[in-house]
PDB file of N, CA and C in Angstrom:
ATOM      1  N   MET A   1     -24.085 -45.908 -84.547  1.00  0.00           N
ATOM      2  CA  MET A   1     -25.341 -45.311 -84.272  1.00  0.00           C
ATOM      3  C   MET A   1     -25.366 -44.496 -83.020  1.00  0.00           C
ATOM      4  N   MET A   2     -24.701 -44.967 -81.918  1.00  0.00           N
ATOM      5  CA  MET A   2     -24.741 -44.236 -80.631  1.00  0.00           C
ATOM      6  C   MET A   2     -23.897 -43.036 -80.821  1.00  0.00           C
ATOM      7  N   MET A   3     -22.829 -43.032 -81.517  1.00  0.00           N
ATOM      8  CA  MET A   3     -22.075 -41.790 -81.699  1.00  0.00           C
ATOM      9  C   MET A   3     -22.780 -40.665 -82.440  1.00  0.00           C
ATOM     10  N   ALA A   4     -23.592 -41.107 -83.386  1.00  0.00           N
ATOM     11  CA  ALA A   4     -24.415 -40.189 -84.153  1.00  0.00           C
ATOM     12  C   ALA A   4     -25.459 -39.539 -83.217  1.00  0.00           C
ATOM     13  N   SER A   5     -26.015 -40.283 -82.341  1.00  0.00           N
ATOM     14  CA  SER A   5     -27.076 -39.784 -81.400  1.00  0.00           C
ATOM     15  C   SER A   5     -26.348 -38.737 -80.414  1.00  0.00           C
ATOM     16  N   ILE A   6     -25.195 -39.087 -79.984  1.00  0.00           N
ATOM     17  CA  ILE A   6     -24.571 -38.127 -79.110  1.00  0.00           C
ATOM     18  C   ILE A   6     -24.168 -36.849 -79.859  1.00  0.00           C
ATOM     19  N   ILE A   7     -23.648 -36.918 -81.013  1.00  0.00           N
ATOM     20  CA  ILE A   7     -23.301 -35.731 -81.807  1.00  0.00           C
ATOM     21  C   ILE A   7     -24.588 -34.942 -82.105  1.00  0.00           C
ATOM     22  N   LEU A   8     -25.620 -35.605 -82.405  1.00  0.00           N
ATOM     23  CA  LEU A   8     -26.912 -34.895 -82.629  1.00  0.00           C
ATOM     24  C   LEU A   8     -27.373 -34.183 -81.423  1.00  0.00           C
ATOM     25  N   ALA A   9     -27.251 -34.876 -80.209  1.00  0.00           N
ATOM     26  CA  ALA A   9     -27.681 -34.254 -79.024  1.00  0.00           C
ATOM     27  C   ALA A   9     -26.801 -32.986 -78.625  1.00  0.00           C
ATOM     28  N   VAL A  10     -25.554 -33.086 -78.904  1.00  0.00           N
ATOM     29  CA  VAL A  10     -24.677 -31.922 -78.634  1.00  0.00           C
ATOM     30  C   VAL A  10     -24.996 -30.734 -79.528  1.00  0.00           C
ATOM     31  N   LEU A  11     -25.313 -31.050 -80.858  1.00  0.00           N
ATOM     32  CA  LEU A  11     -25.576 -30.036 -81.785  1.00  0.00           C
ATOM     33  C   LEU A  11     -27.019 -29.405 -81.430  1.00  0.00           C
ATOM     34  N   VAL A  12     -27.931 -30.201 -80.972  1.00  0.00           N
ATOM     35  CA  VAL A  12     -29.249 -29.573 -80.507  1.00  0.00           C
ATOM     36  C   VAL A  12     -28.931 -28.665 -79.294  1.00  0.00           C
ATOM     37  N   LEU A  13     -28.181 -29.115 -78.304  1.00  0.00           N
ATOM     38  CA  LEU A  13     -27.828 -28.263 -77.165  1.00  0.00           C
ATOM     39  C   LEU A  13     -27.138 -26.964 -77.564  1.00  0.00           C
ATOM     40  N   LEU A  14     -26.127 -27.131 -78.440  1.00  0.00           N
ATOM     41  CA  LEU A  14     -25.486 -25.920 -78.898  1.00  0.00           C
ATOM     42  C   LEU A  14     -26.424 -24.941 -79.615  1.00  0.00           C
ATOM     43  N   ALA A  15     -27.417 -25.427 -80.402  1.00  0.00           N
ATOM     44  CA  ALA A  15     -28.346 -24.587 -81.122  1.00  0.00           C
ATOM     45  C   ALA A  15     -29.233 -23.884 -80.091  1.00  0.00           C
ATOM     46  N   ALA A  16     -29.680 -24.663 -79.041  1.00  0.00           N
ATOM     47  CA  ALA A  16     -30.561 -24.105 -78.008  1.00  0.00           C
ATOM     48  C   ALA A  16     -29.789 -22.926 -77.251  1.00  0.00           C
ATOM     49  N   MET A  17     -28.465 -23.241 -76.924  1.00  0.00           N
ATOM     50  CA  MET A  17     -27.740 -22.210 -76.261  1.00  0.00           C
ATOM     51  C   MET A  17     -27.527 -20.937 -77.115  1.00  0.00           C
ATOM     52  N   LEU A  18     -27.325 -21.154 -78.377  1.00  0.00           N
ATOM     53  CA  LEU A  18     -27.197 -20.026 -79.292  1.00  0.00           C
ATOM     54  C   LEU A  18     -28.469 -19.256 -79.359  1.00  0.00           C
ATOM     55  N   PHE A  19     -29.567 -19.920 -79.570  1.00  0.00           N
ATOM     56  CA  PHE A  19     -30.875 -19.107 -79.566  1.00  0.00           C
ATOM     57  C   PHE A  19     -31.221 -18.485 -78.299  1.00  0.00           C
ATOM     58  N   LEU A  20     -30.954 -19.066 -77.222  1.00  0.00           N
ATOM     59  CA  LEU A  20     -31.196 -18.473 -75.921  1.00  0.00           C
ATOM     60  C   LEU A  20     -30.263 -17.255 -75.672  1.00  0.00           C
ATOM     61  N   SER A  21     -29.094 -17.256 -76.189  1.00  0.00           N
ATOM     62  CA  SER A  21     -28.171 -16.179 -75.934  1.00  0.00           C
ATOM     63  C   SER A  21     -28.272 -15.040 -76.903  1.00  0.00           C
ATOM     64  N   ILE A  22     -29.042 -15.145 -77.971  1.00  0.00           N
ATOM     65  CA  ILE A  22     -29.201 -14.118 -78.950  1.00  0.00           C
ATOM     66  C   ILE A  22     -29.764 -12.815 -78.324  1.00  0.00           C
ATOM     67  N   GLY A  23     -30.722 -13.032 -77.386  1.00  0.00           N
ATOM     68  CA  GLY A  23     -31.334 -11.868 -76.730  1.00  0.00           C
ATOM     69  C   GLY A  23     -30.274 -11.071 -75.824  1.00  0.00           C
ATOM     70  N   VAL A  24     -29.390 -11.876 -75.239  1.00  0.00           N
ATOM     71  CA  VAL A  24     -28.329 -11.224 -74.373  1.00  0.00           C
ATOM     72  C   VAL A  24     -27.260 -10.566 -75.268  1.00  0.00           C
ATOM     73  N   ILE A  25     -26.848 -11.288 -76.304  1.00  0.00           N
ATOM     74  CA  ILE A  25     -25.800 -10.724 -77.192  1.00  0.00           C
ATOM     75  C   ILE A  25     -26.202  -9.322 -77.759  1.00  0.00           C
ATOM     76  N   PHE A  26     -27.461  -9.227 -78.196  1.00  0.00           N
ATOM     77  CA  PHE A  26     -27.909  -8.070 -78.993  1.00  0.00           C
ATOM     78  C   PHE A  26     -28.458  -6.977 -78.098  1.00  0.00           C
ATOM     79  N   ARG A  27     -28.536  -7.144 -76.769  1.00  0.00           N
ATOM     80  CA  ARG A  27     -28.976  -6.159 -75.859  1.00  0.00           C
ATOM     81  C   ARG A  27     -27.844  -5.150 -75.612  1.00  0.00           C
ATOM     82  N   ASP A  28     -28.156  -3.996 -75.306  1.00  0.00           N
ATOM     83  CA  ASP A  28     -27.141  -2.942 -75.071  1.00  0.00           C
ATOM     84  C   ASP A  28     -26.299  -3.270 -73.837  1.00  0.00           C
ATOM     85  N   ASP A  29     -26.976  -3.686 -72.757  1.00  0.00           N
ATOM     86  CA  ASP A  29     -26.203  -3.942 -71.495  1.00  0.00           C
ATOM     87  C   ASP A  29     -25.744  -5.352 -71.400  1.00  0.00           C
ATOM     88  N   HIS A  30     -26.002  -6.198 -72.424  1.00  0.00           N
ATOM     89  CA  HIS A  30     -25.569  -7.609 -72.431  1.00  0.00           C
ATOM     90  C   HIS A  30     -25.979  -8.392 -71.138  1.00  0.00           C
ATOM     91  N   SER A  31     -27.144  -8.246 -70.707  1.00  0.00           N
ATOM     92  CA  SER A  31     -27.561  -8.962 -69.512  1.00  0.00           C
ATOM     93  C   SER A  31     -29.097  -9.374 -69.629  1.00  0.00           C
ATOM     94  N   PHE A  32     -29.482 -10.298 -68.843  1.00  0.00           N
ATOM     95  CA  PHE A  32     -30.891 -10.662 -68.739  1.00  0.00           C
ATOM     96  C   PHE A  32     -31.666  -9.707 -68.001  1.00  0.00           C
ATOM     97  N   ARG A  33     -32.918  -9.533 -68.371  1.00  0.00           N
ATOM     98  CA  ARG A  33     -33.776  -8.700 -67.559  1.00  0.00           C
ATOM     99  C   ARG A  33     -34.092  -9.443 -66.262  1.00  0.00           C
ATOM    100  N   SER A  34     -34.250  -8.686 -65.186  1.00  0.00           N
ATOM    101  CA  SER A  34     -34.505  -9.390 -63.967  1.00  0.00           C
ATOM    102  C   SER A  34     -35.844 -10.065 -63.983  1.00  0.00           C
ATOM    103  N   GLN A  35     -35.878 -11.227 -63.430  1.00  0.00           N
ATOM    104  CA  GLN A  35     -37.205 -12.018 -63.344  1.00  0.00           C
ATOM    105  C   GLN A  35     -37.780 -11.917 -61.983  1.00  0.00           C
ATOM    106  N   HIS A  36     -37.276 -11.084 -61.156  1.00  0.00           N
ATOM    107  CA  HIS A  36     -37.743 -11.046 -59.747  1.00  0.00           C
ATOM    108  C   HIS A  36     -39.014 -10.157 -59.730  1.00  0.00           C
ATOM    109  N   ILE A  37     -39.912 -10.508 -58.911  1.00  0.00           N
ATOM    110  CA  ILE A  37     -41.229  -9.819 -58.874  1.00  0.00           C
ATOM    111  C   ILE A  37     -41.070  -8.372 -58.555  1.00  0.00           C
ATOM    112  N   HIS A  38     -40.199  -8.034 -57.577  1.00  0.00           N
ATOM    113  CA  HIS A  38     -40.213  -6.612 -57.058  1.00  0.00           C
ATOM    114  C   HIS A  38     -39.631  -5.628 -58.119  1.00  0.00           C
ATOM    115  N   GLN A  39     -39.100  -6.114 -59.242  1.00  0.00           N
ATOM    116  CA  GLN A  39     -38.535  -5.188 -60.274  1.00  0.00           C
ATOM    117  C   GLN A  39     -39.415  -5.211 -61.504  1.00  0.00           C
ATOM    118  N   ASN A  40     -40.644  -5.881 -61.370  1.00  0.00           N
ATOM    119  CA  ASN A  40     -41.542  -5.884 -62.571  1.00  0.00           C
ATOM    120  C   ASN A  40     -42.485  -4.711 -62.404  1.00  0.00           C
ATOM    121  N   ALA A  41     -42.616  -3.891 -63.398  1.00  0.00           N
ATOM    122  CA  ALA A  41     -43.406  -2.641 -63.365  1.00  0.00           C
ATOM    123  C   ALA A  41     -44.875  -3.002 -63.174  1.00  0.00           C
ATOM    124  N   ARG A  42     -45.373  -3.969 -63.827  1.00  0.00           N
ATOM    125  CA  ARG A  42     -46.840  -4.389 -63.768  1.00  0.00           C
ATOM    126  C   ARG A  42     -47.105  -4.899 -62.325  1.00  0.00           C
ATOM    127  N   MET A  43     -46.233  -5.654 -61.690  1.00  0.00           N
ATOM    128  CA  MET A  43     -46.418  -6.137 -60.355  1.00  0.00           C
ATOM    129  C   MET A  43     -46.431  -5.035 -59.380  1.00  0.00           C
ATOM    130  N   LYS A  44     -45.535  -3.999 -59.556  1.00  0.00           N
ATOM    131  CA  LYS A  44     -45.508  -2.821 -58.727  1.00  0.00           C
ATOM    132  C   LYS A  44     -46.813  -2.135 -58.820  1.00  0.00           C
ATOM    133  N   LYS A  45     -47.325  -1.915 -60.033  1.00  0.00           N
ATOM    134  CA  LYS A  45     -48.572  -1.268 -60.218  1.00  0.00           C
ATOM    135  C   LYS A  45     -49.706  -1.910 -59.409  1.00  0.00           C
ATOM    136  N   ASP A  46     -49.764  -3.223 -59.457  1.00  0.00           N
ATOM    137  CA  ASP A  46     -50.793  -3.989 -58.802  1.00  0.00           C
ATOM    138  C   ASP A  46     -50.442  -4.250 -57.283  1.00  0.00           C
ATOM    139  N   ASN A  47     -49.324  -3.667 -56.860  1.00  0.00           N
ATOM    140  CA  ASN A  47     -48.920  -3.818 -55.429  1.00  0.00           C
ATOM    141  C   ASN A  47     -48.781  -5.261 -55.049  1.00  0.00           C
ATOM    142  N   ILE A  48     -48.161  -6.085 -55.927  1.00  0.00           N
ATOM    143  CA  ILE A  48     -47.828  -7.514 -55.688  1.00  0.00           C
ATOM    144  C   ILE A  48     -46.385  -7.568 -55.313  1.00  0.00           C
ATOM    145  N   HIS A  49     -46.091  -8.295 -54.320  1.00  0.00           N
ATOM    146  CA  HIS A  49     -44.744  -8.567 -53.882  1.00  0.00           C
ATOM    147  C   HIS A  49     -44.419 -10.056 -53.924  1.00  0.00           C
ATOM    148  N   CYS A  50     -43.146 -10.463 -53.694  1.00  0.00           N
ATOM    149  CA  CYS A  50     -42.860 -11.813 -53.646  1.00  0.00           C
ATOM    150  C   CYS A  50     -43.361 -12.412 -52.356  1.00  0.00           C
ATOM    151  N   ALA A  51     -43.483 -13.742 -52.349  1.00  0.00           N
ATOM    152  CA  ALA A  51     -44.016 -14.451 -51.178  1.00  0.00           C
ATOM    153  C   ALA A  51     -43.246 -14.201 -49.901  1.00  0.00           C
ATOM    154  N   THR A  52     -41.967 -14.152 -50.057  1.00  0.00           N
ATOM    155  CA  THR A  52     -41.061 -13.934 -48.895  1.00  0.00           C
ATOM    156  C   THR A  52     -41.359 -12.574 -48.260  1.00  0.00           C
ATOM    157  N   SER A  53     -41.499 -11.561 -49.100  1.00  0.00           N
ATOM    158  CA  SER A  53     -41.725 -10.169 -48.577  1.00  0.00           C
ATOM    159  C   SER A  53     -43.141 -10.108 -48.008  1.00  0.00           C
ATOM    160  N   LEU A  54     -44.146 -10.681 -48.658  1.00  0.00           N
ATOM    161  CA  LEU A  54     -45.455 -10.736 -48.122  1.00  0.00           C
ATOM    162  C   LEU A  54     -45.497 -11.344 -46.772  1.00  0.00           C
ATOM    163  N   ASP A  55     -44.855 -12.531 -46.570  1.00  0.00           N
ATOM    164  CA  ASP A  55     -44.799 -13.269 -45.351  1.00  0.00           C
ATOM    165  C   ASP A  55     -44.173 -12.387 -44.240  1.00  0.00           C
ATOM    166  N   ARG A  56     -43.021 -11.772 -44.586  1.00  0.00           N
ATOM    167  CA  ARG A  56     -42.384 -10.895 -43.616  1.00  0.00           C
ATOM    168  C   ARG A  56     -43.311  -9.765 -43.181  1.00  0.00           C
ATOM    169  N   GLU A  57     -43.952  -9.092 -44.100  1.00  0.00           N
ATOM    170  CA  GLU A  57     -44.901  -8.000 -43.714  1.00  0.00           C
ATOM    171  C   GLU A  57     -45.993  -8.467 -42.828  1.00  0.00           C
ATOM    172  N   GLU A  58     -46.556  -9.663 -43.202  1.00  0.00           N
ATOM    173  CA  GLU A  58     -47.691 -10.182 -42.318  1.00  0.00           C
ATOM    174  C   GLU A  58     -47.241 -10.565 -40.945  1.00  0.00           C
ATOM    175  N   LYS A  59     -46.026 -11.104 -40.811  1.00  0.00           N
ATOM    176  CA  LYS A  59     -45.527 -11.399 -39.446  1.00  0.00           C
ATOM    177  C   LYS A  59     -45.338 -10.136 -38.671  1.00  0.00           C
ATOM    178  N   LYS A  60     -44.829  -9.074 -39.246  1.00  0.00           N
ATOM    179  CA  LYS A  60     -44.701  -7.824 -38.610  1.00  0.00           C
ATOM    180  C   LYS A  60     -46.046  -7.232 -38.132  1.00  0.00           C
ATOM    181  N   LYS A  61     -47.089  -7.346 -39.010  1.00  0.00           N
ATOM    182  CA  LYS A  61     -48.410  -6.956 -38.645  1.00  0.00           C
ATOM    183  C   LYS A  61     -48.902  -7.709 -37.397  1.00  0.00           C
ATOM    184  N   GLN A  62     -48.641  -8.957 -37.421  1.00  0.00           N
ATOM    185  CA  GLN A  62     -49.078  -9.823 -36.262  1.00  0.00           C
ATOM    186  C   GLN A  62     -48.334  -9.486 -35.009  1.00  0.00           C
ATOM    187  N   GLU A  63     -47.060  -9.166 -35.125  1.00  0.00           N
ATOM    188  CA  GLU A  63     -46.366  -8.811 -33.948  1.00  0.00           C
ATOM    189  C   GLU A  63     -46.827  -7.485 -33.380  1.00  0.00           C
ATOM    190  N   ARG A  64     -47.265  -6.588 -34.144  1.00  0.00           N
ATOM    191  CA  ARG A  64     -47.791  -5.276 -33.739  1.00  0.00           C
ATOM    192  C   ARG A  64     -49.204  -5.502 -33.042  1.00  0.00           C
ATOM    193  N   LYS A  65     -49.913  -6.428 -33.486  1.00  0.00           N
ATOM    194  CA  LYS A  65     -51.278  -6.706 -32.901  1.00  0.00           C
ATOM    195  C   LYS A  65     -51.214  -7.384 -31.594  1.00  0.00           C
ATOM    196  N   ILE A  66     -50.143  -8.082 -31.299  1.00  0.00           N
ATOM    197  CA  ILE A  66     -50.107  -8.824 -30.030  1.00  0.00           C
ATOM    198  C   ILE A  66     -49.681  -7.825 -28.862  1.00  0.00           C
ATOM    199  N   ASP A  67     -50.518  -7.727 -27.860  1.00  0.00           N
ATOM    200  CA  ASP A  67     -50.211  -6.918 -26.743  1.00  0.00           C
ATOM    201  C   ASP A  67     -49.601  -7.825 -25.714  1.00  0.00           C
ATOM    202  N   ILE A  68     -48.427  -7.693 -25.305  1.00  0.00           N
ATOM    203  CA  ILE A  68     -47.677  -8.572 -24.352  1.00  0.00           C
ATOM    204  C   ILE A  68     -48.350  -8.491 -22.960  1.00  0.00           C
ATOM    205  N   LYS A  69     -48.893  -7.301 -22.655  1.00  0.00           N
ATOM    206  CA  LYS A  69     -49.496  -7.181 -21.296  1.00  0.00           C
ATOM    207  C   LYS A  69     -50.700  -8.122 -21.108  1.00  0.00           C
ATOM    208  N   LYS A  70     -51.369  -8.325 -22.219  1.00  0.00           N
ATOM    209  CA  LYS A  70     -52.610  -9.222 -22.160  1.00  0.00           C
ATOM    210  C   LYS A  70     -52.246 -10.633 -22.076  1.00  0.00           C
ATOM    211  N   LEU A  71     -51.025 -11.046 -22.394  1.00  0.00           N
ATOM    212  CA  LEU A  71     -50.698 -12.445 -22.345  1.00  0.00           C
ATOM    213  C   LEU A  71     -50.547 -12.842 -20.886  1.00  0.00           C
TER     214      LEU A  71
END
């Protein structure tokens, strides 16, 4: 019974891998589309960036606002 469960699990995993790879196999460039925010057209249109980029931009804005002479 245990061997049958293991074989069934392996077959399910193989089927999942096959179904997930179908999109890659039949694409012209054989690659996944980028999932990163900065390469998404809709996100660019709405001027949305990834959290790391937004944090970096906000830190730069704060650095510009601080006047060292007033410290």
